[in-house]
Amino acid sequence: MLKKAPKLKSTIKAKTTSKLNVRPASEAMVELLTLMFLNSLAEEAKAKAFEEKSAIIRANHVKAVSKKILKKARG
């Protein structure tokens, strides 16, 4: 099984104002959604780099597509 990010549980608990119990299934869902978001961000940045005829994905490629991906993620 894959190892979870070490700070995921503490980050979830820190963001909630009340003493909220977070089940392991919920933690796994948050982690999966985070990975899916990062994957789509990387794919779009790769496409942007390809458009600019660059072999390397640079920070400016990620910044260029980040607003579009964040808008998609919000729904």
PDB file of N, CA and C in Angstrom:
ATOM      1  N   MET A   1       0.841  -1.185   0.000  1.00  0.00           N
ATOM      2  CA  MET A   1       0.000   0.000   0.000  1.00  0.00           C
ATOM      3  C   MET A   1       0.881   1.241   0.000  1.00  0.00           C
ATOM      4  N   LEU A   2       0.419   2.279  -0.659  1.00  0.00           N
ATOM      5  CA  LEU A   2       1.168   3.518  -0.728  1.00  0.00           C
ATOM      6  C   LEU A   2       1.202   4.217   0.625  1.00  0.00           C
ATOM      7  N   LYS A   3       2.311   4.870   0.897  1.00  0.00           N
ATOM      8  CA  LYS A   3       2.406   5.634   2.138  1.00  0.00           C
ATOM      9  C   LYS A   3       1.699   6.964   1.960  1.00  0.00           C
ATOM     10  N   LYS A   4       1.020   7.409   3.011  1.00  0.00           N
ATOM     11  CA  LYS A   4       0.319   8.683   2.965  1.00  0.00           C
ATOM     12  C   LYS A   4       1.293   9.818   3.232  1.00  0.00           C
ATOM     13  N   ALA A   5       0.904  10.988   2.808  1.00  0.00           N
ATOM     14  CA  ALA A   5       1.704  12.167   3.112  1.00  0.00           C
ATOM     15  C   ALA A   5       1.723  12.345   4.626  1.00  0.00           C
ATOM     16  N   PRO A   6       2.884  12.604   5.218  1.00  0.00           N
ATOM     17  CA  PRO A   6       2.981  12.632   6.673  1.00  0.00           C
ATOM     18  C   PRO A   6       2.158  13.715   7.348  1.00  0.00           C
ATOM     19  N   LYS A   7       1.923  14.807   6.663  1.00  0.00           N
ATOM     20  CA  LYS A   7       1.227  15.913   7.303  1.00  0.00           C
ATOM     21  C   LYS A   7      -0.239  16.002   6.930  1.00  0.00           C
ATOM     22  N   LEU A   8      -0.755  15.054   6.173  1.00  0.00           N
ATOM     23  CA  LEU A   8      -2.123  15.137   5.703  1.00  0.00           C
ATOM     24  C   LEU A   8      -3.118  15.162   6.851  1.00  0.00           C
ATOM     25  N   LYS A   9      -2.993  14.245   7.780  1.00  0.00           N
ATOM     26  CA  LYS A   9      -3.932  14.170   8.888  1.00  0.00           C
ATOM     27  C   LYS A   9      -3.859  15.417   9.761  1.00  0.00           C
ATOM     28  N   SER A  10      -2.652  15.869  10.068  1.00  0.00           N
ATOM     29  CA  SER A  10      -2.516  17.057  10.902  1.00  0.00           C
ATOM     30  C   SER A  10      -3.014  18.302  10.177  1.00  0.00           C
ATOM     31  N   THR A  11      -2.859  18.350   8.862  1.00  0.00           N
ATOM     32  CA  THR A  11      -3.349  19.492   8.093  1.00  0.00           C
ATOM     33  C   THR A  11      -4.867  19.526   8.095  1.00  0.00           C
ATOM     34  N   ILE A  12      -5.496  18.388   7.946  1.00  0.00           N
ATOM     35  CA  ILE A  12      -6.960  18.325   7.954  1.00  0.00           C
ATOM     36  C   ILE A  12      -7.480  18.757   9.322  1.00  0.00           C
ATOM     37  N   LYS A  13      -6.862  18.270  10.367  1.00  0.00           N
ATOM     38  CA  LYS A  13      -7.316  18.627  11.704  1.00  0.00           C
ATOM     39  C   LYS A  13      -7.067  20.096  12.012  1.00  0.00           C
ATOM     40  N   ALA A  14      -5.984  20.662  11.490  1.00  0.00           N
ATOM     41  CA  ALA A  14      -5.679  22.069  11.737  1.00  0.00           C
ATOM     42  C   ALA A  14      -6.658  22.987  11.014  1.00  0.00           C
ATOM     43  N   LYS A  15      -7.153  22.573   9.863  1.00  0.00           N
ATOM     44  CA  LYS A  15      -8.072  23.405   9.084  1.00  0.00           C
ATOM     45  C   LYS A  15      -9.490  23.406   9.636  1.00  0.00           C
ATOM     46  N   THR A  16      -9.850  22.428  10.424  1.00  0.00           N
ATOM     47  CA  THR A  16     -11.192  22.377  10.989  1.00  0.00           C
ATOM     48  C   THR A  16     -11.196  23.110  12.321  1.00  0.00           C
ATOM     49  N   THR A  17     -12.267  23.860  12.587  1.00  0.00           N
ATOM     50  CA  THR A  17     -12.333  24.657  13.803  1.00  0.00           C
ATOM     51  C   THR A  17     -12.785  23.837  15.004  1.00  0.00           C
ATOM     52  N   SER A  18     -13.633  22.878  14.782  1.00  0.00           N
ATOM     53  CA  SER A  18     -14.108  22.049  15.889  1.00  0.00           C
ATOM     54  C   SER A  18     -13.294  20.760  15.960  1.00  0.00           C
ATOM     55  N   LYS A  19     -13.517  20.011  17.006  1.00  0.00           N
ATOM     56  CA  LYS A  19     -12.845  18.724  17.134  1.00  0.00           C
ATOM     57  C   LYS A  19     -13.615  17.716  16.287  1.00  0.00           C
ATOM     58  N   LEU A  20     -13.193  17.618  15.076  1.00  0.00           N
ATOM     59  CA  LEU A  20     -13.865  16.788  14.093  1.00  0.00           C
ATOM     60  C   LEU A  20     -13.067  15.512  13.893  1.00  0.00           C
ATOM     61  N   ASN A  21     -13.728  14.381  13.966  1.00  0.00           N
ATOM     62  CA  ASN A  21     -13.064  13.112  13.705  1.00  0.00           C
ATOM     63  C   ASN A  21     -13.075  12.850  12.205  1.00  0.00           C
ATOM     64  N   VAL A  22     -11.904  12.581  11.674  1.00  0.00           N
ATOM     65  CA  VAL A  22     -11.774  12.306  10.249  1.00  0.00           C
ATOM     66  C   VAL A  22     -11.487  10.821  10.094  1.00  0.00           C
ATOM     67  N   ARG A  23     -12.343  10.143   9.376  1.00  0.00           N
ATOM     68  CA  ARG A  23     -12.178   8.710   9.179  1.00  0.00           C
ATOM     69  C   ARG A  23     -11.091   8.424   8.151  1.00  0.00           C
ATOM     70  N   PRO A  24     -10.504   7.254   8.247  1.00  0.00           N
ATOM     71  CA  PRO A  24      -9.455   6.898   7.280  1.00  0.00           C
ATOM     72  C   PRO A  24      -9.920   6.930   5.830  1.00  0.00           C
ATOM     73  N   ALA A  25     -11.174   6.584   5.581  1.00  0.00           N
ATOM     74  CA  ALA A  25     -11.692   6.634   4.211  1.00  0.00           C
ATOM     75  C   ALA A  25     -11.716   8.065   3.690  1.00  0.00           C
ATOM     76  N   SER A  26     -12.038   9.008   4.574  1.00  0.00           N
ATOM     77  CA  SER A  26     -12.050  10.412   4.178  1.00  0.00           C
ATOM     78  C   SER A  26     -10.636  10.904   3.897  1.00  0.00           C
ATOM     79  N   GLU A  27      -9.696  10.476   4.704  1.00  0.00           N
ATOM     80  CA  GLU A  27      -8.300  10.847   4.475  1.00  0.00           C
ATOM     81  C   GLU A  27      -7.830  10.320   3.124  1.00  0.00           C
ATOM     82  N   ALA A  28      -8.213   9.100   2.817  1.00  0.00           N
ATOM     83  CA  ALA A  28      -7.827   8.506   1.539  1.00  0.00           C
ATOM     84  C   ALA A  28      -8.463   9.257   0.376  1.00  0.00           C
ATOM     85  N   MET A  29      -9.711   9.693   0.552  1.00  0.00           N
ATOM     86  CA  MET A  29     -10.387  10.439  -0.501  1.00  0.00           C
ATOM     87  C   MET A  29      -9.715  11.792  -0.728  1.00  0.00           C
ATOM     88  N   VAL A  30      -9.344  12.478   0.326  1.00  0.00           N
ATOM     89  CA  VAL A  30      -8.651  13.764   0.200  1.00  0.00           C
ATOM     90  C   VAL A  30      -7.318  13.567  -0.499  1.00  0.00           C
ATOM     91  N   GLU A  31      -6.603  12.531  -0.124  1.00  0.00           N
ATOM     92  CA  GLU A  31      -5.316  12.260  -0.752  1.00  0.00           C
ATOM     93  C   GLU A  31      -5.481  11.929  -2.234  1.00  0.00           C
ATOM     94  N   LEU A  32      -6.496  11.151  -2.575  1.00  0.00           N
ATOM     95  CA  LEU A  32      -6.753  10.800  -3.968  1.00  0.00           C
ATOM     96  C   LEU A  32      -7.106  12.037  -4.791  1.00  0.00           C
ATOM     97  N   LEU A  33      -7.951  12.893  -4.248  1.00  0.00           N
ATOM     98  CA  LEU A  33      -8.333  14.112  -4.960  1.00  0.00           C
ATOM     99  C   LEU A  33      -7.143  15.042  -5.146  1.00  0.00           C
ATOM    100  N   THR A  34      -6.262  15.095  -4.154  1.00  0.00           N
ATOM    101  CA  THR A  34      -5.053  15.906  -4.271  1.00  0.00           C
ATOM    102  C   THR A  34      -4.161  15.376  -5.382  1.00  0.00           C
ATOM    103  N   LEU A  35      -3.989  14.067  -5.428  1.00  0.00           N
ATOM    104  CA  LEU A  35      -3.167  13.470  -6.479  1.00  0.00           C
ATOM    105  C   LEU A  35      -3.774  13.672  -7.862  1.00  0.00           C
ATOM    106  N   MET A  36      -5.095  13.586  -7.957  1.00  0.00           N
ATOM    107  CA  MET A  36      -5.758  13.805  -9.235  1.00  0.00           C
ATOM    108  C   MET A  36      -5.590  15.256  -9.700  1.00  0.00           C
ATOM    109  N   PHE A  37      -5.677  16.193  -8.745  1.00  0.00           N
ATOM    110  CA  PHE A  37      -5.481  17.601  -9.080  1.00  0.00           C
ATOM    111  C   PHE A  37      -4.059  17.839  -9.575  1.00  0.00           C
ATOM    112  N   LEU A  38      -3.078  17.293  -8.870  1.00  0.00           N
ATOM    113  CA  LEU A  38      -1.686  17.468  -9.279  1.00  0.00           C
ATOM    114  C   LEU A  38      -1.407  16.824 -10.633  1.00  0.00           C
ATOM    115  N   ASN A  39      -2.047  15.692 -10.887  1.00  0.00           N
ATOM    116  CA  ASN A  39      -1.885  15.015 -12.173  1.00  0.00           C
ATOM    117  C   ASN A  39      -2.432  15.875 -13.314  1.00  0.00           C
ATOM    118  N   SER A  40      -3.615  16.440 -13.126  1.00  0.00           N
ATOM    119  CA  SER A  40      -4.182  17.278 -14.184  1.00  0.00           C
ATOM    120  C   SER A  40      -3.361  18.549 -14.371  1.00  0.00           C
ATOM    121  N   LEU A  41      -2.826  19.099 -13.288  1.00  0.00           N
ATOM    122  CA  LEU A  41      -1.967  20.274 -13.393  1.00  0.00           C
ATOM    123  C   LEU A  41      -0.702  19.944 -14.177  1.00  0.00           C
ATOM    124  N   ALA A  42      -0.116  18.797 -13.910  1.00  0.00           N
ATOM    125  CA  ALA A  42       1.095  18.382 -14.622  1.00  0.00           C
ATOM    126  C   ALA A  42       0.812  18.125 -16.099  1.00  0.00           C
ATOM    127  N   GLU A  43      -0.324  17.514 -16.414  1.00  0.00           N
ATOM    128  CA  GLU A  43      -0.674  17.241 -17.813  1.00  0.00           C
ATOM    129  C   GLU A  43      -0.868  18.539 -18.596  1.00  0.00           C
ATOM    130  N   GLU A  44      -1.562  19.500 -17.994  1.00  0.00           N
ATOM    131  CA  GLU A  44      -1.782  20.774 -18.672  1.00  0.00           C
ATOM    132  C   GLU A  44      -0.471  21.548 -18.831  1.00  0.00           C
ATOM    133  N   ALA A  45       0.383  21.493 -17.825  1.00  0.00           N
ATOM    134  CA  ALA A  45       1.685  22.170 -17.915  1.00  0.00           C
ATOM    135  C   ALA A  45       2.551  21.514 -18.993  1.00  0.00           C
ATOM    136  N   LYS A  46       2.433  20.202 -19.127  1.00  0.00           N
ATOM    137  CA  LYS A  46       3.166  19.484 -20.172  1.00  0.00           C
ATOM    138  C   LYS A  46       2.692  19.928 -21.555  1.00  0.00           C
ATOM    139  N   ALA A  47       1.386  20.069 -21.703  1.00  0.00           N
ATOM    140  CA  ALA A  47       0.841  20.518 -22.982  1.00  0.00           C
ATOM    141  C   ALA A  47       1.287  21.942 -23.296  1.00  0.00           C
ATOM    142  N   LYS A  48       1.313  22.796 -22.281  1.00  0.00           N
ATOM    143  CA  LYS A  48       1.756  24.181 -22.468  1.00  0.00           C
ATOM    144  C   LYS A  48       3.228  24.222 -22.872  1.00  0.00           C
ATOM    145  N   ALA A  49       4.044  23.404 -22.239  1.00  0.00           N
ATOM    146  CA  ALA A  49       5.465  23.347 -22.582  1.00  0.00           C
ATOM    147  C   ALA A  49       5.643  22.848 -24.013  1.00  0.00           C
ATOM    148  N   PHE A  50       4.832  21.882 -24.423  1.00  0.00           N
ATOM    149  CA  PHE A  50       4.905  21.359 -25.782  1.00  0.00           C
ATOM    150  C   PHE A  50       4.524  22.432 -26.798  1.00  0.00           C
ATOM    151  N   GLU A  51       3.518  23.236 -26.457  1.00  0.00           N
ATOM    152  CA  GLU A  51       3.103  24.332 -27.341  1.00  0.00           C
ATOM    153  C   GLU A  51       4.242  25.329 -27.551  1.00  0.00           C
ATOM    154  N   GLU A  52       5.009  25.560 -26.496  1.00  0.00           N
ATOM    155  CA  GLU A  52       6.115  26.508 -26.570  1.00  0.00           C
ATOM    156  C   GLU A  52       7.410  25.843 -27.027  1.00  0.00           C
ATOM    157  N   LYS A  53       7.310  24.607 -27.477  1.00  0.00           N
ATOM    158  CA  LYS A  53       8.443  23.835 -27.984  1.00  0.00           C
ATOM    159  C   LYS A  53       9.573  23.727 -26.971  1.00  0.00           C
ATOM    160  N   SER A  54       9.177  23.448 -25.737  1.00  0.00           N
ATOM    161  CA  SER A  54      10.140  23.266 -24.656  1.00  0.00           C
ATOM    162  C   SER A  54      10.119  21.805 -24.230  1.00  0.00           C
ATOM    163  N   ALA A  55      11.293  21.255 -23.982  1.00  0.00           N
ATOM    164  CA  ALA A  55      11.380  19.855 -23.550  1.00  0.00           C
ATOM    165  C   ALA A  55      11.219  19.725 -22.040  1.00  0.00           C
ATOM    166  N   ILE A  56      11.302  20.840 -21.336  1.00  0.00           N
ATOM    167  CA  ILE A  56      11.242  20.837 -19.875  1.00  0.00           C
ATOM    168  C   ILE A  56      10.038  21.655 -19.421  1.00  0.00           C
ATOM    169  N   ILE A  57       9.308  21.126 -18.441  1.00  0.00           N
ATOM    170  CA  ILE A  57       8.200  21.875 -17.840  1.00  0.00           C
ATOM    171  C   ILE A  57       8.804  22.816 -16.805  1.00  0.00           C
ATOM    172  N   ARG A  58       8.613  24.100 -17.027  1.00  0.00           N
ATOM    173  CA  ARG A  58       9.163  25.111 -16.131  1.00  0.00           C
ATOM    174  C   ARG A  58       8.049  25.735 -15.299  1.00  0.00           C
ATOM    175  N   ALA A  59       8.456  26.534 -14.314  1.00  0.00           N
ATOM    176  CA  ALA A  59       7.492  27.172 -13.419  1.00  0.00           C
ATOM    177  C   ALA A  59       6.519  28.066 -14.170  1.00  0.00           C
ATOM    178  N   ASN A  60       6.989  28.740 -15.209  1.00  0.00           N
ATOM    179  CA  ASN A  60       6.082  29.614 -15.950  1.00  0.00           C
ATOM    180  C   ASN A  60       5.000  28.825 -16.683  1.00  0.00           C
ATOM    181  N   HIS A  61       5.279  27.583 -17.063  1.00  0.00           N
ATOM    182  CA  HIS A  61       4.256  26.738 -17.688  1.00  0.00           C
ATOM    183  C   HIS A  61       3.186  26.361 -16.662  1.00  0.00           C
ATOM    184  N   VAL A  62       3.626  26.038 -15.462  1.00  0.00           N
ATOM    185  CA  VAL A  62       2.677  25.674 -14.400  1.00  0.00           C
ATOM    186  C   VAL A  62       1.829  26.880 -14.018  1.00  0.00           C
ATOM    187  N   LYS A  63       2.459  28.039 -13.880  1.00  0.00           N
ATOM    188  CA  LYS A  63       1.721  29.252 -13.530  1.00  0.00           C
ATOM    189  C   LYS A  63       0.708  29.618 -14.600  1.00  0.00           C
ATOM    190  N   ALA A  64       1.068  29.394 -15.846  1.00  0.00           N
ATOM    191  CA  ALA A  64       0.175  29.746 -16.950  1.00  0.00           C
ATOM    192  C   ALA A  64      -1.113  28.933 -16.948  1.00  0.00           C
ATOM    193  N   VAL A  65      -1.051  27.693 -16.515  1.00  0.00           N
ATOM    194  CA  VAL A  65      -2.247  26.836 -16.544  1.00  0.00           C
ATOM    195  C   VAL A  65      -2.909  26.686 -15.178  1.00  0.00           C
ATOM    196  N   SER A  66      -2.300  27.208 -14.128  1.00  0.00           N
ATOM    197  CA  SER A  66      -2.828  26.977 -12.779  1.00  0.00           C
ATOM    198  C   SER A  66      -4.209  27.587 -12.581  1.00  0.00           C
ATOM    199  N   LYS A  67      -4.454  28.789 -13.100  1.00  0.00           N
ATOM    200  CA  LYS A  67      -5.774  29.404 -12.926  1.00  0.00           C
ATOM    201  C   LYS A  67      -6.857  28.593 -13.620  1.00  0.00           C
ATOM    202  N   LYS A  68      -6.541  28.091 -14.805  1.00  0.00           N
ATOM    203  CA  LYS A  68      -7.522  27.282 -15.542  1.00  0.00           C
ATOM    204  C   LYS A  68      -7.851  25.990 -14.794  1.00  0.00           C
ATOM    205  N   ILE A  69      -6.822  25.352 -14.252  1.00  0.00           N
ATOM    206  CA  ILE A  69      -7.036  24.103 -13.526  1.00  0.00           C
ATOM    207  C   ILE A  69      -7.785  24.342 -12.221  1.00  0.00           C
ATOM    208  N   LEU A  70      -7.438  25.424 -11.515  1.00  0.00           N
ATOM    209  CA  LEU A  70      -8.156  25.746 -10.284  1.00  0.00           C
ATOM    210  C   LEU A  70      -9.629  26.046 -10.556  1.00  0.00           C
ATOM    211  N   LYS A  71      -9.892  26.700 -11.666  1.00  0.00           N
ATOM    212  CA  LYS A  71     -11.296  26.991 -12.026  1.00  0.00           C
ATOM    213  C   LYS A  71     -12.051  25.704 -12.301  1.00  0.00           C
ATOM    214  N   LYS A  72     -11.401  24.761 -12.979  1.00  0.00           N
ATOM    215  CA  LYS A  72     -12.026  23.448 -13.251  1.00  0.00           C
ATOM    216  C   LYS A  72     -12.270  22.688 -11.949  1.00  0.00           C
ATOM    217  N   ALA A  73     -11.328  22.776 -11.020  1.00  0.00           N
ATOM    218  CA  ALA A  73     -11.445  22.026  -9.776  1.00  0.00           C
ATOM    219  C   ALA A  73     -12.587  22.550  -8.906  1.00  0.00           C
ATOM    220  N   ARG A  74     -12.864  23.828  -8.991  1.00  0.00           N
ATOM    221  CA  ARG A  74     -13.949  24.403  -8.200  1.00  0.00           C
ATOM    222  C   ARG A  74     -15.310  23.999  -8.727  1.00  0.00           C
ATOM    223  N   GLY A  75     -15.389  23.745 -10.007  1.00  0.00           N
ATOM    224  CA  GLY A  75     -16.644  23.284 -10.580  1.00  0.00           C
ATOM    225  C   GLY A  75     -17.401  24.307 -11.320  1.00  0.00           C
TER     226      GLY A  75
END
